[in-house]
N, C-alpha and C. Protein backbone atom coordinates (compact mmCIF):
# COMPACT_ATOMS: atom_id res chain seq x y z
N MET A 1 62.86 -30.33 -7.42
CA MET A 1 62.84 -30.37 -8.86
C MET A 1 62.91 -28.96 -9.42
N THR A 2 63.60 -28.83 -10.50
CA THR A 2 63.76 -27.53 -11.15
C THR A 2 63.42 -27.65 -12.62
N THR A 3 63.27 -26.50 -13.25
CA THR A 3 63.03 -26.45 -14.68
C THR A 3 63.89 -25.34 -15.29
N SER A 4 63.98 -25.33 -16.57
CA SER A 4 64.76 -24.31 -17.27
C SER A 4 63.99 -22.98 -17.31
N VAL A 5 64.70 -21.91 -17.58
CA VAL A 5 64.06 -20.61 -17.75
C VAL A 5 63.09 -20.67 -18.93
N SER A 6 63.47 -21.37 -19.96
CA SER A 6 62.60 -21.50 -21.13
C SER A 6 61.28 -22.19 -20.77
N ARG A 7 61.36 -23.28 -20.01
CA ARG A 7 60.14 -24.00 -19.60
C ARG A 7 59.33 -23.15 -18.62
N ALA A 8 59.99 -22.40 -17.75
CA ALA A 8 59.27 -21.50 -16.82
C ALA A 8 58.47 -20.48 -17.62
N ALA A 9 59.06 -19.96 -18.68
CA ALA A 9 58.34 -19.00 -19.54
C ALA A 9 57.11 -19.65 -20.16
N THR A 10 57.27 -20.89 -20.60
CA THR A 10 56.14 -21.62 -21.18
C THR A 10 55.04 -21.83 -20.14
N LEU A 11 55.43 -22.23 -18.93
CA LEU A 11 54.45 -22.47 -17.87
C LEU A 11 53.66 -21.21 -17.53
N LEU A 12 54.36 -20.07 -17.54
CA LEU A 12 53.72 -18.79 -17.18
C LEU A 12 53.12 -18.08 -18.39
N THR A 13 53.33 -18.63 -19.56
CA THR A 13 52.89 -18.03 -20.83
C THR A 13 53.36 -16.58 -20.98
N ILE A 14 54.66 -16.40 -20.69
CA ILE A 14 55.30 -15.09 -20.86
C ILE A 14 56.64 -15.31 -21.56
N PRO A 15 57.20 -14.27 -22.15
CA PRO A 15 58.51 -14.41 -22.80
C PRO A 15 59.63 -14.71 -21.79
N GLN A 16 60.69 -15.36 -22.26
CA GLN A 16 61.83 -15.66 -21.40
C GLN A 16 62.42 -14.40 -20.76
N GLY A 17 62.40 -13.31 -21.51
CA GLY A 17 62.91 -12.05 -20.96
C GLY A 17 62.15 -11.59 -19.73
N GLU A 18 60.85 -11.83 -19.73
CA GLU A 18 60.05 -11.46 -18.55
C GLU A 18 60.38 -12.36 -17.37
N VAL A 19 60.63 -13.64 -17.65
CA VAL A 19 61.05 -14.56 -16.57
C VAL A 19 62.37 -14.07 -15.98
N ARG A 20 63.30 -13.71 -16.84
CA ARG A 20 64.58 -13.19 -16.35
C ARG A 20 64.39 -11.90 -15.54
N GLY A 21 63.42 -11.08 -15.96
CA GLY A 21 63.11 -9.86 -15.21
C GLY A 21 62.55 -10.18 -13.83
N LEU A 22 61.69 -11.20 -13.73
CA LEU A 22 61.15 -11.63 -12.42
C LEU A 22 62.29 -12.12 -11.53
N ILE A 23 63.22 -12.86 -12.12
CA ILE A 23 64.36 -13.37 -11.36
C ILE A 23 65.22 -12.20 -10.87
N ALA A 24 65.53 -11.26 -11.75
CA ALA A 24 66.36 -10.11 -11.39
C ALA A 24 65.72 -9.26 -10.31
N ALA A 25 64.39 -9.18 -10.33
CA ALA A 25 63.66 -8.36 -9.35
C ALA A 25 63.44 -9.10 -8.02
N GLY A 26 63.87 -10.36 -7.94
CA GLY A 26 63.67 -11.12 -6.70
C GLY A 26 62.26 -11.65 -6.54
N ARG A 27 61.51 -11.70 -7.64
CA ARG A 27 60.12 -12.17 -7.58
C ARG A 27 59.99 -13.63 -8.00
N LEU A 28 61.11 -14.24 -8.42
CA LEU A 28 61.16 -15.65 -8.80
C LEU A 28 62.58 -16.13 -8.51
N LEU A 29 62.68 -17.26 -7.83
CA LEU A 29 63.98 -17.81 -7.46
C LEU A 29 64.55 -18.62 -8.62
N ALA A 30 65.80 -18.37 -8.94
CA ALA A 30 66.53 -19.18 -9.91
C ALA A 30 67.87 -19.54 -9.27
N VAL A 31 68.36 -20.73 -9.59
CA VAL A 31 69.60 -21.22 -9.01
C VAL A 31 70.47 -21.80 -10.11
N LEU A 32 71.76 -21.88 -9.86
CA LEU A 32 72.67 -22.51 -10.81
C LEU A 32 72.80 -23.99 -10.47
N VAL A 33 72.51 -24.83 -11.45
CA VAL A 33 72.67 -26.28 -11.31
C VAL A 33 73.52 -26.72 -12.50
N ASP A 34 74.69 -27.22 -12.20
CA ASP A 34 75.63 -27.64 -13.25
C ASP A 34 75.84 -26.54 -14.29
N GLY A 35 75.96 -25.30 -13.80
CA GLY A 35 76.24 -24.17 -14.67
C GLY A 35 75.04 -23.62 -15.43
N GLU A 36 73.87 -24.20 -15.22
CA GLU A 36 72.66 -23.74 -15.91
C GLU A 36 71.69 -23.10 -14.92
N GLN A 37 71.12 -21.97 -15.32
CA GLN A 37 70.13 -21.31 -14.48
C GLN A 37 68.84 -22.13 -14.50
N ARG A 38 68.38 -22.53 -13.31
CA ARG A 38 67.19 -23.38 -13.16
C ARG A 38 66.22 -22.70 -12.20
N VAL A 39 64.94 -23.02 -12.35
CA VAL A 39 63.88 -22.42 -11.54
C VAL A 39 63.19 -23.54 -10.76
N PRO A 40 63.23 -23.51 -9.41
CA PRO A 40 62.53 -24.54 -8.64
C PRO A 40 61.03 -24.54 -8.95
N LEU A 41 60.49 -25.73 -9.21
CA LEU A 41 59.09 -25.86 -9.63
C LEU A 41 58.08 -25.56 -8.55
N TRP A 42 58.45 -25.64 -7.27
CA TRP A 42 57.47 -25.39 -6.22
C TRP A 42 56.91 -23.97 -6.26
N GLN A 43 57.56 -23.09 -7.00
CA GLN A 43 57.11 -21.69 -7.07
C GLN A 43 55.87 -21.49 -7.94
N PHE A 44 55.48 -22.51 -8.69
CA PHE A 44 54.36 -22.41 -9.61
C PHE A 44 53.12 -23.06 -9.03
N THR A 45 51.96 -22.51 -9.36
CA THR A 45 50.70 -23.14 -8.96
C THR A 45 50.41 -24.29 -9.88
N GLU A 46 49.46 -25.11 -9.49
CA GLU A 46 49.06 -26.26 -10.30
C GLU A 46 47.94 -25.90 -11.28
N GLU A 47 47.36 -24.72 -11.13
CA GLU A 47 46.26 -24.32 -12.01
C GLU A 47 46.74 -24.18 -13.45
N SER A 48 45.78 -24.10 -14.33
CA SER A 48 46.11 -23.90 -15.73
C SER A 48 45.31 -22.68 -16.21
N PRO A 49 45.90 -21.62 -16.76
CA PRO A 49 47.34 -21.50 -16.93
C PRO A 49 48.04 -21.33 -15.59
N ARG A 50 49.25 -21.70 -15.54
CA ARG A 50 50.00 -21.63 -14.29
C ARG A 50 50.29 -20.18 -13.92
N ASP A 51 50.51 -20.01 -12.64
CA ASP A 51 50.85 -18.71 -12.10
C ASP A 51 51.89 -18.95 -11.03
N LEU A 52 52.34 -17.87 -10.41
CA LEU A 52 53.28 -18.01 -9.31
C LEU A 52 52.53 -18.19 -8.00
N LEU A 53 53.14 -18.88 -7.08
CA LEU A 53 52.58 -19.14 -5.77
C LEU A 53 52.18 -17.83 -5.08
N PRO A 54 50.99 -17.77 -4.50
CA PRO A 54 50.60 -16.54 -3.77
C PRO A 54 51.62 -16.21 -2.67
N GLY A 55 52.01 -14.95 -2.59
CA GLY A 55 52.95 -14.50 -1.57
C GLY A 55 54.40 -14.86 -1.85
N LEU A 56 54.71 -15.33 -3.07
CA LEU A 56 56.06 -15.79 -3.38
C LEU A 56 57.11 -14.71 -3.16
N GLU A 57 56.83 -13.51 -3.58
CA GLU A 57 57.83 -12.43 -3.44
C GLU A 57 58.20 -12.22 -1.97
N GLN A 58 57.20 -12.25 -1.07
CA GLN A 58 57.46 -12.07 0.35
C GLN A 58 58.19 -13.28 0.94
N ILE A 59 57.84 -14.47 0.45
CA ILE A 59 58.53 -15.69 0.91
C ILE A 59 60.01 -15.60 0.54
N LEU A 60 60.28 -15.24 -0.70
CA LEU A 60 61.67 -15.14 -1.15
C LEU A 60 62.43 -14.06 -0.39
N SER A 61 61.77 -12.97 -0.09
CA SER A 61 62.41 -11.90 0.68
C SER A 61 62.75 -12.39 2.09
N SER A 62 61.81 -13.11 2.72
CA SER A 62 62.05 -13.63 4.07
C SER A 62 63.14 -14.69 4.09
N ALA A 63 63.29 -15.41 3.00
CA ALA A 63 64.27 -16.50 2.92
C ALA A 63 65.61 -16.03 2.35
N ASP A 64 65.79 -14.73 2.18
CA ASP A 64 67.01 -14.20 1.59
C ASP A 64 68.24 -14.77 2.30
N GLY A 65 69.15 -15.32 1.55
CA GLY A 65 70.37 -15.88 2.12
C GLY A 65 70.26 -17.35 2.50
N MET A 66 69.05 -17.90 2.49
CA MET A 66 68.85 -19.31 2.84
C MET A 66 69.25 -20.17 1.64
N ASP A 67 69.92 -21.28 1.89
CA ASP A 67 70.27 -22.19 0.81
C ASP A 67 69.00 -22.63 0.09
N TRP A 68 69.03 -22.61 -1.22
CA TRP A 68 67.82 -22.90 -2.00
C TRP A 68 67.30 -24.31 -1.78
N ARG A 69 68.21 -25.25 -1.49
CA ARG A 69 67.76 -26.63 -1.25
C ARG A 69 67.01 -26.73 0.07
N LEU A 70 67.46 -25.99 1.08
CA LEU A 70 66.75 -25.95 2.37
C LEU A 70 65.39 -25.29 2.19
N LEU A 71 65.35 -24.19 1.45
CA LEU A 71 64.08 -23.51 1.19
C LEU A 71 63.13 -24.43 0.43
N SER A 72 63.62 -25.14 -0.58
CA SER A 72 62.77 -26.06 -1.34
C SER A 72 62.22 -27.16 -0.45
N ALA A 73 63.07 -27.71 0.43
CA ALA A 73 62.61 -28.74 1.37
C ALA A 73 61.55 -28.18 2.31
N PHE A 74 61.78 -26.96 2.81
CA PHE A 74 60.80 -26.32 3.70
C PHE A 74 59.46 -26.14 2.99
N MET A 75 59.50 -25.67 1.76
CA MET A 75 58.27 -25.37 1.03
C MET A 75 57.47 -26.62 0.67
N THR A 76 58.12 -27.76 0.55
CA THR A 76 57.44 -28.96 0.08
C THR A 76 57.20 -30.01 1.16
N THR A 77 57.63 -29.74 2.39
CA THR A 77 57.46 -30.68 3.50
C THR A 77 56.42 -30.13 4.48
N PRO A 78 55.46 -30.95 4.92
CA PRO A 78 54.49 -30.45 5.92
C PRO A 78 55.21 -29.89 7.15
N GLN A 79 54.71 -28.76 7.63
CA GLN A 79 55.30 -28.07 8.78
C GLN A 79 54.30 -28.07 9.94
N ARG A 80 54.75 -28.51 11.12
CA ARG A 80 53.85 -28.53 12.28
C ARG A 80 53.28 -27.15 12.59
N ALA A 81 54.05 -26.12 12.33
CA ALA A 81 53.61 -24.76 12.64
C ALA A 81 52.54 -24.28 11.66
N LEU A 82 52.34 -24.97 10.56
CA LEU A 82 51.36 -24.57 9.55
C LEU A 82 50.22 -25.58 9.55
N LYS A 83 49.34 -25.42 10.53
CA LYS A 83 48.23 -26.37 10.67
C LYS A 83 46.90 -25.68 10.47
N MET A 84 46.02 -26.36 9.83
CA MET A 84 44.61 -26.00 9.83
C MET A 84 43.95 -27.22 10.46
N ASN A 85 43.49 -28.16 9.67
CA ASN A 85 43.00 -29.41 10.23
C ASN A 85 44.10 -30.47 10.24
N LEU A 86 45.15 -30.24 9.49
CA LEU A 86 46.30 -31.13 9.45
C LEU A 86 47.51 -30.31 9.04
N ALA A 87 48.69 -30.85 9.26
CA ALA A 87 49.90 -30.12 8.91
C ALA A 87 49.98 -29.97 7.39
N LEU A 88 50.30 -28.76 6.96
CA LEU A 88 50.41 -28.46 5.53
C LEU A 88 51.85 -28.10 5.20
N ASN A 89 52.22 -28.28 3.94
CA ASN A 89 53.50 -27.72 3.55
C ASN A 89 53.26 -26.25 3.21
N ALA A 90 54.33 -25.50 3.04
CA ALA A 90 54.21 -24.05 2.84
C ALA A 90 53.46 -23.70 1.56
N ILE A 91 53.58 -24.54 0.54
CA ILE A 91 52.86 -24.28 -0.71
C ILE A 91 51.36 -24.39 -0.47
N GLU A 92 50.95 -25.46 0.20
CA GLU A 92 49.52 -25.64 0.51
C GLU A 92 49.01 -24.52 1.40
N TRP A 93 49.83 -24.10 2.38
CA TRP A 93 49.47 -23.02 3.29
C TRP A 93 49.19 -21.73 2.52
N ALA A 94 50.07 -21.42 1.56
CA ALA A 94 49.89 -20.20 0.75
C ALA A 94 48.63 -20.31 -0.10
N HIS A 95 48.36 -21.48 -0.65
CA HIS A 95 47.18 -21.67 -1.50
C HIS A 95 45.86 -21.50 -0.75
N VAL A 96 45.84 -21.93 0.51
CA VAL A 96 44.58 -21.83 1.26
C VAL A 96 44.45 -20.50 1.99
N GLY A 97 45.42 -19.62 1.79
CA GLY A 97 45.32 -18.29 2.40
C GLY A 97 45.70 -18.26 3.86
N GLY A 98 46.58 -19.18 4.28
CA GLY A 98 47.04 -19.19 5.66
C GLY A 98 47.75 -17.90 6.01
N ALA A 99 47.81 -17.60 7.29
CA ALA A 99 48.41 -16.35 7.78
C ALA A 99 49.89 -16.29 7.39
N GLU A 100 50.27 -15.19 6.76
CA GLU A 100 51.66 -15.03 6.33
C GLU A 100 52.61 -15.03 7.51
N ASP A 101 52.21 -14.45 8.66
CA ASP A 101 53.08 -14.41 9.83
C ASP A 101 53.47 -15.82 10.28
N SER A 102 52.52 -16.75 10.23
CA SER A 102 52.82 -18.14 10.61
C SER A 102 53.83 -18.75 9.65
N LEU A 103 53.65 -18.48 8.37
CA LEU A 103 54.57 -19.01 7.37
C LEU A 103 55.97 -18.45 7.59
N PHE A 104 56.08 -17.15 7.81
CA PHE A 104 57.38 -16.53 7.98
C PHE A 104 58.05 -16.97 9.28
N SER A 105 57.27 -17.19 10.33
CA SER A 105 57.82 -17.70 11.59
C SER A 105 58.37 -19.11 11.41
N ALA A 106 57.63 -19.95 10.70
CA ALA A 106 58.09 -21.32 10.44
C ALA A 106 59.34 -21.29 9.56
N LEU A 107 59.39 -20.39 8.61
CA LEU A 107 60.56 -20.26 7.75
C LEU A 107 61.79 -19.85 8.56
N GLU A 108 61.62 -18.91 9.47
CA GLU A 108 62.72 -18.49 10.33
C GLU A 108 63.21 -19.64 11.20
N ALA A 109 62.28 -20.44 11.73
CA ALA A 109 62.65 -21.59 12.56
C ALA A 109 63.41 -22.62 11.73
N ALA A 110 63.08 -22.75 10.46
CA ALA A 110 63.74 -23.72 9.58
C ALA A 110 65.18 -23.32 9.30
N ARG A 111 65.47 -22.02 9.38
CA ARG A 111 66.83 -21.53 9.16
C ARG A 111 67.78 -22.01 10.24
N ASP A 112 67.26 -22.09 11.45
CA ASP A 112 68.11 -22.42 12.62
C ASP A 112 68.48 -23.87 12.70
């Protein structure tokens, strides 16, 4: 699922220009869907006010060149390599402070 840049700004309570700055700096992923710039929703926390997922900038850097749909599937699907008491998806792993090395290793494996 994705949202517009305008809605992303509302979620983050920042101006649209700042959202575009985050995108340009590689700190927020945006993709073209039917000619419109869209922001995948998995990048946002569920807290209120919303924020960006912990470690997002490093995740995006590690996933550079990966198809955004594959990355979105990876981030939202439980990964065997990301276990605490049960398999977590990458978003849950980042929220609970799981080891970044494990996340990046699982991300690399998902590329192959």
